[in-house]
Amino acid sequence: MSEPTNLTDPAVQVSKEGAPAPSPLRCVGGSLVAGGIAIVLYRLTTSIAIAFASKPLQTDNFTTQRISAAVRTLIIGLSSLGTGIFALAAFGLFALGIQLLIQRSKDAAPPENS
């Protein structure tokens, strides 16, 4: 078995809820992971859209055409939604990392005596 993480270590900052506090490195790492997933989902979305566009439905039934259009729209929309969510998460995590870096640099700077 692995030993539990030592939460009393001063190098590991912990929030009030017991979860590790965010650090700029963790935010940028999470941003890279979310960005990678967003890129993969974008490529998947484009390949789905191209596949649907290259294979039109071969029927004259009006109801079948409407249902097919609705299903195709739903599939592409859900894929696009997932792409957008991961892209926004990547952007937000990157911005949070920058904000934490700025806050740490302000806290580390010595106060000026005028």
PDB file of N, CA and C in Angstrom:
ATOM      1  N   MET A   1       0.826  -1.188   0.000  1.00  0.00           N
ATOM      2  CA  MET A   1       0.000   0.000   0.000  1.00  0.00           C
ATOM      3  C   MET A   1       0.866   1.245   0.000  1.00  0.00           C
ATOM      4  N   SER A   2       0.330   2.293  -0.560  1.00  0.00           N
ATOM      5  CA  SER A   2       1.070   3.547  -0.557  1.00  0.00           C
ATOM      6  C   SER A   2       0.722   4.334   0.699  1.00  0.00           C
ATOM      7  N   GLU A   3       1.684   5.113   1.126  1.00  0.00           N
ATOM      8  CA  GLU A   3       1.468   5.919   2.319  1.00  0.00           C
ATOM      9  C   GLU A   3       0.678   7.165   1.958  1.00  0.00           C
ATOM     10  N   PRO A   4      -0.168   7.647   2.866  1.00  0.00           N
ATOM     11  CA  PRO A   4      -0.932   8.868   2.585  1.00  0.00           C
ATOM     12  C   PRO A   4      -0.007  10.070   2.489  1.00  0.00           C
ATOM     13  N   THR A   5      -0.442  11.037   1.728  1.00  0.00           N
ATOM     14  CA  THR A   5       0.329  12.257   1.546  1.00  0.00           C
ATOM     15  C   THR A   5       0.403  13.025   2.861  1.00  0.00           C
ATOM     16  N   ASN A   6       1.574  13.528   3.164  1.00  0.00           N
ATOM     17  CA  ASN A   6       1.769  14.303   4.378  1.00  0.00           C
ATOM     18  C   ASN A   6       1.247  15.721   4.141  1.00  0.00           C
ATOM     19  N   LEU A   7       0.082  16.020   4.687  1.00  0.00           N
ATOM     20  CA  LEU A   7      -0.510  17.343   4.481  1.00  0.00           C
ATOM     21  C   LEU A   7       0.058  18.392   5.431  1.00  0.00           C
ATOM     22  N   THR A   8       0.917  17.980   6.349  1.00  0.00           N
ATOM     23  CA  THR A   8       1.525  18.948   7.260  1.00  0.00           C
ATOM     24  C   THR A   8       2.846  19.478   6.708  1.00  0.00           C
ATOM     25  N   ASP A   9       3.258  19.008   5.549  1.00  0.00           N
ATOM     26  CA  ASP A   9       4.475  19.481   4.920  1.00  0.00           C
ATOM     27  C   ASP A   9       4.297  20.942   4.521  1.00  0.00           C
ATOM     28  N   PRO A  10       5.187  21.837   4.940  1.00  0.00           N
ATOM     29  CA  PRO A  10       5.008  23.260   4.611  1.00  0.00           C
ATOM     30  C   PRO A  10       5.168  23.553   3.117  1.00  0.00           C
ATOM     31  N   ALA A  11       5.778  22.641   2.358  1.00  0.00           N
ATOM     32  CA  ALA A  11       5.942  22.884   0.926  1.00  0.00           C
ATOM     33  C   ALA A  11       4.625  22.695   0.173  1.00  0.00           C
ATOM     34  N   VAL A  12       3.705  21.914   0.735  1.00  0.00           N
ATOM     35  CA  VAL A  12       2.417  21.665   0.095  1.00  0.00           C
ATOM     36  C   VAL A  12       1.377  22.554   0.764  1.00  0.00           C
ATOM     37  N   GLN A  13       0.855  23.515   0.021  1.00  0.00           N
ATOM     38  CA  GLN A  13      -0.181  24.385   0.555  1.00  0.00           C
ATOM     39  C   GLN A  13      -1.525  23.702   0.403  1.00  0.00           C
ATOM     40  N   VAL A  14      -2.358  23.814   1.437  1.00  0.00           N
ATOM     41  CA  VAL A  14      -3.651  23.149   1.435  1.00  0.00           C
ATOM     42  C   VAL A  14      -4.721  24.185   1.706  1.00  0.00           C
ATOM     43  N   SER A  15      -5.834  24.091   0.958  1.00  0.00           N
ATOM     44  CA  SER A  15      -6.938  25.013   1.173  1.00  0.00           C
ATOM     45  C   SER A  15      -7.734  24.580   2.397  1.00  0.00           C
ATOM     46  N   LYS A  16      -8.752  25.346   2.747  1.00  0.00           N
ATOM     47  CA  LYS A  16      -9.561  25.057   3.929  1.00  0.00           C
ATOM     48  C   LYS A  16     -10.294  23.728   3.817  1.00  0.00           C
ATOM     49  N   GLU A  17     -10.657  23.334   2.588  1.00  0.00           N
ATOM     50  CA  GLU A  17     -11.396  22.089   2.384  1.00  0.00           C
ATOM     51  C   GLU A  17     -10.495  20.868   2.420  1.00  0.00           C
ATOM     52  N   GLY A  18      -9.184  21.043   2.460  1.00  0.00           N
ATOM     53  CA  GLY A  18      -8.257  19.932   2.491  1.00  0.00           C
ATOM     54  C   GLY A  18      -7.657  19.604   1.133  1.00  0.00           C
ATOM     55  N   ALA A  19      -8.110  20.238   0.071  1.00  0.00           N
ATOM     56  CA  ALA A  19      -7.572  19.995  -1.265  1.00  0.00           C
ATOM     57  C   ALA A  19      -6.308  20.835  -1.461  1.00  0.00           C
ATOM     58  N   PRO A  20      -5.379  20.353  -2.263  1.00  0.00           N
ATOM     59  CA  PRO A  20      -4.182  21.167  -2.514  1.00  0.00           C
ATOM     60  C   PRO A  20      -4.541  22.493  -3.176  1.00  0.00           C
ATOM     61  N   ALA A  21      -3.895  23.559  -2.735  1.00  0.00           N
ATOM     62  CA  ALA A  21      -4.154  24.883  -3.297  1.00  0.00           C
ATOM     63  C   ALA A  21      -3.596  24.945  -4.719  1.00  0.00           C
ATOM     64  N   PRO A  22      -4.225  25.728  -5.588  1.00  0.00           N
ATOM     65  CA  PRO A  22      -3.725  25.809  -6.966  1.00  0.00           C
ATOM     66  C   PRO A  22      -2.380  26.522  -7.025  1.00  0.00           C
ATOM     67  N   SER A  23      -1.529  26.030  -7.874  1.00  0.00           N
ATOM     68  CA  SER A  23      -0.243  26.677  -8.112  1.00  0.00           C
ATOM     69  C   SER A  23      -0.170  26.992  -9.601  1.00  0.00           C
ATOM     70  N   PRO A  24       0.678  27.933  -9.993  1.00  0.00           N
ATOM     71  CA  PRO A  24       0.779  28.260 -11.417  1.00  0.00           C
ATOM     72  C   PRO A  24       1.175  27.058 -12.269  1.00  0.00           C
ATOM     73  N   LEU A  25       2.046  26.202 -11.738  1.00  0.00           N
ATOM     74  CA  LEU A  25       2.471  25.032 -12.495  1.00  0.00           C
ATOM     75  C   LEU A  25       1.330  24.044 -12.704  1.00  0.00           C
ATOM     76  N   ARG A  26       0.518  23.843 -11.660  1.00  0.00           N
ATOM     77  CA  ARG A  26      -0.635  22.949 -11.794  1.00  0.00           C
ATOM     78  C   ARG A  26      -1.655  23.522 -12.768  1.00  0.00           C
ATOM     79  N   CYS A  27      -1.846  24.830 -12.752  1.00  0.00           N
ATOM     80  CA  CYS A  27      -2.798  25.469 -13.665  1.00  0.00           C
ATOM     81  C   CYS A  27      -2.341  25.342 -15.113  1.00  0.00           C
ATOM     82  N   VAL A  28      -1.067  25.577 -15.365  1.00  0.00           N
ATOM     83  CA  VAL A  28      -0.557  25.472 -16.737  1.00  0.00           C
ATOM     84  C   VAL A  28      -0.593  24.021 -17.200  1.00  0.00           C
ATOM     85  N   GLY A  29      -0.271  23.098 -16.307  1.00  0.00           N
ATOM     86  CA  GLY A  29      -0.351  21.680 -16.664  1.00  0.00           C
ATOM     87  C   GLY A  29      -1.773  21.263 -17.001  1.00  0.00           C
ATOM     88  N   GLY A  30      -2.721  21.694 -16.195  1.00  0.00           N
ATOM     89  CA  GLY A  30      -4.129  21.414 -16.477  1.00  0.00           C
ATOM     90  C   GLY A  30      -4.588  22.075 -17.757  1.00  0.00           C
ATOM     91  N   SER A  31      -4.070  23.262 -18.018  1.00  0.00           N
ATOM     92  CA  SER A  31      -4.410  23.966 -19.254  1.00  0.00           C
ATOM     93  C   SER A  31      -3.890  23.212 -20.468  1.00  0.00           C
ATOM     94  N   LEU A  32      -2.699  22.662 -20.372  1.00  0.00           N
ATOM     95  CA  LEU A  32      -2.149  21.891 -21.486  1.00  0.00           C
ATOM     96  C   LEU A  32      -2.961  20.619 -21.733  1.00  0.00           C
ATOM     97  N   VAL A  33      -3.368  19.955 -20.660  1.00  0.00           N
ATOM     98  CA  VAL A  33      -4.175  18.740 -20.812  1.00  0.00           C
ATOM     99  C   VAL A  33      -5.525  19.074 -21.438  1.00  0.00           C
ATOM    100  N   ALA A  34      -6.195  20.103 -20.909  1.00  0.00           N
ATOM    101  CA  ALA A  34      -7.500  20.496 -21.448  1.00  0.00           C
ATOM    102  C   ALA A  34      -7.374  20.979 -22.888  1.00  0.00           C
ATOM    103  N   GLY A  35      -6.302  21.693 -23.197  1.00  0.00           N
ATOM    104  CA  GLY A  35      -6.081  22.143 -24.571  1.00  0.00           C
ATOM    105  C   GLY A  35      -5.842  20.980 -25.520  1.00  0.00           C
ATOM    106  N   GLY A  36      -5.103  19.985 -25.065  1.00  0.00           N
ATOM    107  CA  GLY A  36      -4.884  18.799 -25.882  1.00  0.00           C
ATOM    108  C   GLY A  36      -6.179  18.055 -26.167  1.00  0.00           C
ATOM    109  N   ILE A  37      -7.015  17.920 -25.141  1.00  0.00           N
ATOM    110  CA  ILE A  37      -8.310  17.269 -25.332  1.00  0.00           C
ATOM    111  C   ILE A  37      -9.178  18.087 -26.283  1.00  0.00           C
ATOM    112  N   ALA A  38      -9.129  19.416 -26.164  1.00  0.00           N
ATOM    113  CA  ALA A  38      -9.911  20.276 -27.059  1.00  0.00           C
ATOM    114  C   ALA A  38      -9.456  20.123 -28.507  1.00  0.00           C
ATOM    115  N   ILE A  39      -8.164  20.003 -28.730  1.00  0.00           N
ATOM    116  CA  ILE A  39      -7.661  19.823 -30.096  1.00  0.00           C
ATOM    117  C   ILE A  39      -8.119  18.490 -30.666  1.00  0.00           C
ATOM    118  N   VAL A  40      -8.043  17.441 -29.849  1.00  0.00           N
ATOM    119  CA  VAL A  40      -8.498  16.123 -30.310  1.00  0.00           C
ATOM    120  C   VAL A  40      -9.996  16.162 -30.627  1.00  0.00           C
ATOM    121  N   LEU A  41     -10.782  16.792 -29.766  1.00  0.00           N
ATOM    122  CA  LEU A  41     -12.219  16.886 -30.014  1.00  0.00           C
ATOM    123  C   LEU A  41     -12.532  17.743 -31.238  1.00  0.00           C
ATOM    124  N   TYR A  42     -11.743  18.770 -31.482  1.00  0.00           N
ATOM    125  CA  TYR A  42     -11.939  19.595 -32.682  1.00  0.00           C
ATOM    126  C   TYR A  42     -11.711  18.772 -33.943  1.00  0.00           C
ATOM    127  N   ARG A  43     -10.643  18.001 -33.930  1.00  0.00           N
ATOM    128  CA  ARG A  43     -10.369  17.153 -35.099  1.00  0.00           C
ATOM    129  C   ARG A  43     -11.453  16.095 -35.272  1.00  0.00           C
ATOM    130  N   LEU A  44     -11.950  15.561 -34.170  1.00  0.00           N
ATOM    131  CA  LEU A  44     -13.038  14.590 -34.244  1.00  0.00           C
ATOM    132  C   LEU A  44     -14.301  15.245 -34.811  1.00  0.00           C
ATOM    133  N   THR A  45     -14.602  16.449 -34.364  1.00  0.00           N
ATOM    134  CA  THR A  45     -15.778  17.167 -34.854  1.00  0.00           C
ATOM    135  C   THR A  45     -15.680  17.428 -36.349  1.00  0.00           C
ATOM    136  N   THR A  46     -14.521  17.865 -36.809  1.00  0.00           N
ATOM    137  CA  THR A  46     -14.377  18.129 -38.240  1.00  0.00           C
ATOM    138  C   THR A  46     -14.467  16.843 -39.057  1.00  0.00           C
ATOM    139  N   SER A  47     -13.908  15.753 -38.539  1.00  0.00           N
ATOM    140  CA  SER A  47     -14.001  14.501 -39.297  1.00  0.00           C
ATOM    141  C   SER A  47     -15.437  13.977 -39.332  1.00  0.00           C
ATOM    142  N   ILE A  48     -16.188  14.159 -38.260  1.00  0.00           N
ATOM    143  CA  ILE A  48     -17.598  13.760 -38.256  1.00  0.00           C
ATOM    144  C   ILE A  48     -18.380  14.605 -39.259  1.00  0.00           C
ATOM    145  N   ALA A  49     -18.143  15.910 -39.259  1.00  0.00           N
ATOM    146  CA  ALA A  49     -18.857  16.798 -40.177  1.00  0.00           C
ATOM    147  C   ALA A  49     -18.535  16.460 -41.631  1.00  0.00           C
ATOM    148  N   ILE A  50     -17.274  16.165 -41.918  1.00  0.00           N
ATOM    149  CA  ILE A  50     -16.891  15.807 -43.286  1.00  0.00           C
ATOM    150  C   ILE A  50     -17.528  14.477 -43.682  1.00  0.00           C
ATOM    151  N   ALA A  51     -17.557  13.530 -42.749  1.00  0.00           N
ATOM    152  CA  ALA A  51     -18.168  12.235 -43.055  1.00  0.00           C
ATOM    153  C   ALA A  51     -19.658  12.385 -43.336  1.00  0.00           C
ATOM    154  N   PHE A  52     -20.347  13.206 -42.558  1.00  0.00           N
ATOM    155  CA  PHE A  52     -21.772  13.430 -42.802  1.00  0.00           C
ATOM    156  C   PHE A  52     -22.013  14.156 -44.123  1.00  0.00           C
ATOM    157  N   ALA A  53     -21.144  15.109 -44.443  1.00  0.00           N
ATOM    158  CA  ALA A  53     -21.321  15.872 -45.682  1.00  0.00           C
ATOM    159  C   ALA A  53     -21.022  15.030 -46.919  1.00  0.00           C
ATOM    160  N   SER A  54     -20.090  14.099 -46.790  1.00  0.00           N
ATOM    161  CA  SER A  54     -19.717  13.304 -47.961  1.00  0.00           C
ATOM    162  C   SER A  54     -20.660  12.128 -48.216  1.00  0.00           C
ATOM    163  N   LYS A  55     -21.503  11.801 -47.246  1.00  0.00           N
ATOM    164  CA  LYS A  55     -22.431  10.675 -47.411  1.00  0.00           C
ATOM    165  C   LYS A  55     -23.870  11.153 -47.196  1.00  0.00           C
ATOM    166  N   PRO A  56     -24.483  11.744 -48.212  1.00  0.00           N
ATOM    167  CA  PRO A  56     -25.874  12.190 -48.053  1.00  0.00           C
ATOM    168  C   PRO A  56     -26.820  10.995 -47.960  1.00  0.00           C
ATOM    169  N   LEU A  57     -27.952  11.225 -47.347  1.00  0.00           N
ATOM    170  CA  LEU A  57     -28.949  10.178 -47.161  1.00  0.00           C
ATOM    171  C   LEU A  57     -29.637   9.879 -48.491  1.00  0.00           C
ATOM    172  N   GLN A  58     -29.740   8.608 -48.843  1.00  0.00           N
ATOM    173  CA  GLN A  58     -30.321   8.191 -50.120  1.00  0.00           C
ATOM    174  C   GLN A  58     -31.778   7.772 -49.929  1.00  0.00           C
ATOM    175  N   THR A  59     -32.651   8.715 -49.704  1.00  0.00           N
ATOM    176  CA  THR A  59     -34.067   8.424 -49.551  1.00  0.00           C
ATOM    177  C   THR A  59     -34.893   9.606 -50.049  1.00  0.00           C
ATOM    178  N   ASP A  60     -36.121   9.307 -50.418  1.00  0.00           N
ATOM    179  CA  ASP A  60     -37.051  10.356 -50.838  1.00  0.00           C
ATOM    180  C   ASP A  60     -38.098  10.623 -49.770  1.00  0.00           C
ATOM    181  N   ASN A  61     -38.048   9.878 -48.676  1.00  0.00           N
ATOM    182  CA  ASN A  61     -39.024  10.030 -47.603  1.00  0.00           C
ATOM    183  C   ASN A  61     -38.713  11.315 -46.824  1.00  0.00           C
ATOM    184  N   PHE A  62     -39.676  12.209 -46.755  1.00  0.00           N
ATOM    185  CA  PHE A  62     -39.486  13.503 -46.106  1.00  0.00           C
ATOM    186  C   PHE A  62     -39.212  13.346 -44.608  1.00  0.00           C
ATOM    187  N   THR A  63     -39.948  12.457 -43.952  1.00  0.00           N
ATOM    188  CA  THR A  63     -39.778  12.257 -42.508  1.00  0.00           C
ATOM    189  C   THR A  63     -38.393  11.710 -42.200  1.00  0.00           C
ATOM    190  N   THR A  64     -37.932  10.784 -42.991  1.00  0.00           N
ATOM    191  CA  THR A  64     -36.595  10.215 -42.792  1.00  0.00           C
ATOM    192  C   THR A  64     -35.518  11.275 -42.972  1.00  0.00           C
ATOM    193  N   GLN A  65     -35.690  12.136 -43.947  1.00  0.00           N
ATOM    194  CA  GLN A  65     -34.718  13.205 -44.164  1.00  0.00           C
ATOM    195  C   GLN A  65     -34.680  14.166 -42.982  1.00  0.00           C
ATOM    196  N   ARG A  66     -35.848  14.498 -42.443  1.00  0.00           N
ATOM    197  CA  ARG A  66     -35.903  15.412 -41.294  1.00  0.00           C
ATOM    198  C   ARG A  66     -35.257  14.793 -40.054  1.00  0.00           C
ATOM    199  N   ILE A  67     -35.571  13.531 -39.795  1.00  0.00           N
ATOM    200  CA  ILE A  67     -34.987  12.861 -38.629  1.00  0.00           C
ATOM    201  C   ILE A  67     -33.476  12.732 -38.793  1.00  0.00           C
ATOM    202  N   SER A  68     -33.027  12.400 -39.992  1.00  0.00           N
ATOM    203  CA  SER A  68     -31.597  12.283 -40.250  1.00  0.00           C
ATOM    204  C   SER A  68     -30.888  13.621 -40.047  1.00  0.00           C
ATOM    205  N   ALA A  69     -31.476  14.686 -40.519  1.00  0.00           N
ATOM    206  CA  ALA A  69     -30.877  16.017 -40.336  1.00  0.00           C
ATOM    207  C   ALA A  69     -30.813  16.394 -38.857  1.00  0.00           C
ATOM    208  N   ALA A  70     -31.860  16.048 -38.119  1.00  0.00           N
ATOM    209  CA  ALA A  70     -31.880  16.366 -36.691  1.00  0.00           C
ATOM    210  C   ALA A  70     -30.807  15.577 -35.932  1.00  0.00           C
ATOM    211  N   VAL A  71     -30.661  14.294 -36.258  1.00  0.00           N
ATOM    212  CA  VAL A  71     -29.662  13.465 -35.575  1.00  0.00           C
ATOM    213  C   VAL A  71     -28.252  13.928 -35.909  1.00  0.00           C
ATOM    214  N   ARG A  72     -28.008  14.225 -37.176  1.00  0.00           N
ATOM    215  CA  ARG A  72     -26.684  14.713 -37.568  1.00  0.00           C
ATOM    216  C   ARG A  72     -26.359  16.035 -36.890  1.00  0.00           C
ATOM    217  N   THR A  73     -27.335  16.920 -36.822  1.00  0.00           N
ATOM    218  CA  THR A  73     -27.130  18.197 -36.146  1.00  0.00           C
ATOM    219  C   THR A  73     -26.855  17.992 -34.663  1.00  0.00           C
ATOM    220  N   LEU A  74     -27.564  17.083 -34.042  1.00  0.00           N
ATOM    221  CA  LEU A  74     -27.367  16.793 -32.624  1.00  0.00           C
ATOM    222  C   LEU A  74     -25.976  16.240 -32.364  1.00  0.00           C
ATOM    223  N   ILE A  75     -25.517  15.333 -33.195  1.00  0.00           N
ATOM    224  CA  ILE A  75     -24.187  14.737 -33.003  1.00  0.00           C
ATOM    225  C   ILE A  75     -23.094  15.781 -33.171  1.00  0.00           C
ATOM    226  N   ILE A  76     -23.177  16.575 -34.225  1.00  0.00           N
ATOM    227  CA  ILE A  76     -22.155  17.606 -34.441  1.00  0.00           C
ATOM    228  C   ILE A  76     -22.231  18.674 -33.344  1.00  0.00           C
ATOM    229  N   GLY A  77     -23.432  19.020 -32.917  1.00  0.00           N
ATOM    230  CA  GLY A  77     -23.586  20.019 -31.853  1.00  0.00           C
ATOM    231  C   GLY A  77     -23.002  19.564 -30.533  1.00  0.00           C
ATOM    232  N   LEU A  78     -23.237  18.312 -30.166  1.00  0.00           N
ATOM    233  CA  LEU A  78     -22.675  17.802 -28.905  1.00  0.00           C
ATOM    234  C   LEU A  78     -21.154  17.721 -28.969  1.00  0.00           C
ATOM    235  N   SER A  79     -20.637  17.324 -30.108  1.00  0.00           N
ATOM    236  CA  SER A  79     -19.189  17.277 -30.269  1.00  0.00           C
ATOM    237  C   SER A  79     -18.586  18.684 -30.204  1.00  0.00           C
ATOM    238  N   SER A  80     -19.254  19.638 -30.813  1.00  0.00           N
ATOM    239  CA  SER A  80     -18.786  21.030 -30.758  1.00  0.00           C
ATOM    240  C   SER A  80     -18.875  21.585 -29.340  1.00  0.00           C
ATOM    241  N   LEU A  81     -19.925  21.211 -28.624  1.00  0.00           N
ATOM    242  CA  LEU A  81     -20.076  21.661 -27.240  1.00  0.00           C
ATOM    243  C   LEU A  81     -18.935  21.146 -26.377  1.00  0.00           C
ATOM    244  N   GLY A  82     -18.592  19.871 -26.523  1.00  0.00           N
ATOM    245  CA  GLY A  82     -17.466  19.323 -25.773  1.00  0.00           C
ATOM    246  C   GLY A  82     -16.163  20.015 -26.105  1.00  0.00           C
ATOM    247  N   THR A  83     -15.970  20.300 -27.383  1.00  0.00           N
ATOM    248  CA  THR A  83     -14.769  21.014 -27.808  1.00  0.00           C
ATOM    249  C   THR A  83     -14.698  22.388 -27.160  1.00  0.00           C
ATOM    250  N   GLY A  84     -15.814  23.107 -27.189  1.00  0.00           N
ATOM    251  CA  GLY A  84     -15.844  24.450 -26.608  1.00  0.00           C
ATOM    252  C   GLY A  84     -15.626  24.443 -25.106  1.00  0.00           C
ATOM    253  N   ILE A  85     -16.191  23.479 -24.425  1.00  0.00           N
ATOM    254  CA  ILE A  85     -16.027  23.411 -22.967  1.00  0.00           C
ATOM    255  C   ILE A  85     -14.562  23.182 -22.603  1.00  0.00           C
ATOM    256  N   PHE A  86     -13.915  22.249 -23.277  1.00  0.00           N
ATOM    257  CA  PHE A  86     -12.508  21.994 -22.970  1.00  0.00           C
ATOM    258  C   PHE A  86     -11.621  23.162 -23.383  1.00  0.00           C
ATOM    259  N   ALA A  87     -11.948  23.843 -24.478  1.00  0.00           N
ATOM    260  CA  ALA A  87     -11.162  25.008 -24.888  1.00  0.00           C
ATOM    261  C   ALA A  87     -11.295  26.143 -23.874  1.00  0.00           C
ATOM    262  N   LEU A  88     -12.509  26.373 -23.396  1.00  0.00           N
ATOM    263  CA  LEU A  88     -12.697  27.420 -22.382  1.00  0.00           C
ATOM    264  C   LEU A  88     -12.024  27.049 -21.060  1.00  0.00           C
ATOM    265  N   ALA A  89     -12.063  25.777 -20.705  1.00  0.00           N
ATOM    266  CA  ALA A  89     -11.382  25.334 -19.480  1.00  0.00           C
ATOM    267  C   ALA A  89      -9.872  25.539 -19.608  1.00  0.00           C
ATOM    268  N   ALA A  90      -9.329  25.245 -20.781  1.00  0.00           N
ATOM    269  CA  ALA A  90      -7.892  25.457 -21.001  1.00  0.00           C
ATOM    270  C   ALA A  90      -7.540  26.938 -20.889  1.00  0.00           C
ATOM    271  N   PHE A  91      -8.352  27.783 -21.498  1.00  0.00           N
ATOM    272  CA  PHE A  91      -8.101  29.223 -21.418  1.00  0.00           C
ATOM    273  C   PHE A  91      -8.212  29.730 -19.978  1.00  0.00           C
ATOM    274  N   GLY A  92      -9.244  29.280 -19.266  1.00  0.00           N
ATOM    275  CA  GLY A  92      -9.439  29.716 -17.887  1.00  0.00           C
ATOM    276  C   GLY A  92      -8.322  29.261 -16.967  1.00  0.00           C
ATOM    277  N   LEU A  93      -7.867  28.027 -17.129  1.00  0.00           N
ATOM    278  CA  LEU A  93      -6.768  27.544 -16.291  1.00  0.00           C
ATOM    279  C   LEU A  93      -5.473  28.291 -16.592  1.00  0.00           C
ATOM    280  N   PHE A  94      -5.231  28.594 -17.848  1.00  0.00           N
ATOM    281  CA  PHE A  94      -4.037  29.353 -18.196  1.00  0.00           C
ATOM    282  C   PHE A  94      -4.099  30.762 -17.599  1.00  0.00           C
ATOM    283  N   ALA A  95      -5.268  31.390 -17.695  1.00  0.00           N
ATOM    284  CA  ALA A  95      -5.432  32.734 -17.116  1.00  0.00           C
ATOM    285  C   ALA A  95      -5.280  32.698 -15.603  1.00  0.00           C
ATOM    286  N   LEU A  96      -5.796  31.647 -14.947  1.00  0.00           N
ATOM    287  CA  LEU A  96      -5.634  31.517 -13.503  1.00  0.00           C
ATOM    288  C   LEU A  96      -4.171  31.355 -13.131  1.00  0.00           C
ATOM    289  N   GLY A  97      -3.419  30.594 -13.925  1.00  0.00           N
ATOM    290  CA  GLY A  97      -1.989  30.443 -13.665  1.00  0.00           C
ATOM    291  C   GLY A  97      -1.254  31.766 -13.758  1.00  0.00           C
ATOM    292  N   ILE A  98      -1.599  32.572 -14.753  1.00  0.00           N
ATOM    293  CA  ILE A  98      -0.980  33.898 -14.887  1.00  0.00           C
ATOM    294  C   ILE A  98      -1.355  34.785 -13.704  1.00  0.00           C
ATOM    295  N   GLN A  99      -2.629  34.730 -13.291  1.00  0.00           N
ATOM    296  CA  GLN A  99      -3.067  35.532 -12.152  1.00  0.00           C
ATOM    297  C   GLN A  99      -2.324  35.125 -10.879  1.00  0.00           C
ATOM    298  N   LEU A 100      -2.137  33.834 -10.671  1.00  0.00           N
ATOM    299  CA  LEU A 100      -1.404  33.376  -9.486  1.00  0.00           C
ATOM    300  C   LEU A 100       0.055  33.812  -9.528  1.00  0.00           C
ATOM    301  N   LEU A 101       0.661  33.798 -10.712  1.00  0.00           N
ATOM    302  CA  LEU A 101       2.040  34.283 -10.834  1.00  0.00           C
ATOM    303  C   LEU A 101       2.138  35.763 -10.490  1.00  0.00           C
ATOM    304  N   ILE A 102       1.185  36.545 -10.963  1.00  0.00           N
ATOM    305  CA  ILE A 102       1.190  37.987 -10.673  1.00  0.00           C
ATOM    306  C   ILE A 102       0.997  38.228  -9.185  1.00  0.00           C
ATOM    307  N   GLN A 103       0.070  37.497  -8.559  1.00  0.00           N
ATOM    308  CA  GLN A 103      -0.162  37.659  -7.130  1.00  0.00           C
ATOM    309  C   GLN A 103       1.063  37.268  -6.315  1.00  0.00           C
ATOM    310  N   ARG A 104       1.722  36.192  -6.709  1.00  0.00           N
ATOM    311  CA  ARG A 104       2.929  35.772  -5.973  1.00  0.00           C
ATOM    312  C   ARG A 104       4.052  36.780  -6.128  1.00  0.00           C
ATOM    313  N   SER A 105       4.181  37.374  -7.325  1.00  0.00           N
ATOM    314  CA  SER A 105       5.245  38.361  -7.513  1.00  0.00           C
ATOM    315  C   SER A 105       4.957  39.630  -6.717  1.00  0.00           C
ATOM    316  N   LYS A 106       3.669  39.980  -6.584  1.00  0.00           N
ATOM    317  CA  LYS A 106       3.321  41.152  -5.772  1.00  0.00           C
ATOM    318  C   LYS A 106       3.538  40.878  -4.292  1.00  0.00           C
ATOM    319  N   ASP A 107       3.225  39.653  -3.860  1.00  0.00           N
ATOM    320  CA  ASP A 107       3.417  39.306  -2.447  1.00  0.00           C
ATOM    321  C   ASP A 107       4.897  39.181  -2.093  1.00  0.00           C
ATOM    322  N   ALA A 108       5.722  38.748  -3.048  1.00  0.00           N
ATOM    323  CA  ALA A 108       7.135  38.560  -2.783  1.00  0.00           C
ATOM    324  C   ALA A 108       7.906  39.866  -2.851  1.00  0.00           C
ATOM    325  N   ALA A 109       7.380  40.871  -3.548  1.00  0.00           N
ATOM    326  CA  ALA A 109       8.073  42.140  -3.675  1.00  0.00           C
ATOM    327  C   ALA A 109       8.070  42.861  -2.330  1.00  0.00           C
ATOM    328  N   PRO A 110       9.233  43.380  -1.928  1.00  0.00           N
ATOM    329  CA  PRO A 110       9.291  44.102  -0.652  1.00  0.00           C
ATOM    330  C   PRO A 110       8.551  45.432  -0.755  1.00  0.00           C
ATOM    331  N   PRO A 111       7.888  45.843   0.299  1.00  0.00           N
ATOM    332  CA  PRO A 111       7.174  47.136   0.269  1.00  0.00           C
ATOM    333  C   PRO A 111       8.175  48.288   0.191  1.00  0.00           C
ATOM    334  N   GLU A 112       7.790  49.281  -0.574  1.00  0.00           N
ATOM    335  CA  GLU A 112       8.659  50.460  -0.735  1.00  0.00           C
ATOM    336  C   GLU A 112       8.423  51.417   0.420  1.00  0.00           C
ATOM    337  N   ASN A 113       9.519  51.955   0.964  1.00  0.00           N
ATOM    338  CA  ASN A 113       9.428  52.947   2.042  1.00  0.00           C
ATOM    339  C   ASN A 113       9.635  54.318   1.437  1.00  0.00           C
ATOM    340  N   SER A 114       8.576  55.123   1.446  1.00  0.00           N
ATOM    341  CA  SER A 114       8.687  56.469   0.868  1.00  0.00           C
ATOM    342  C   SER A 114       8.795  57.487   1.938  1.00  0.00           C
TER     343      SER A 114
END
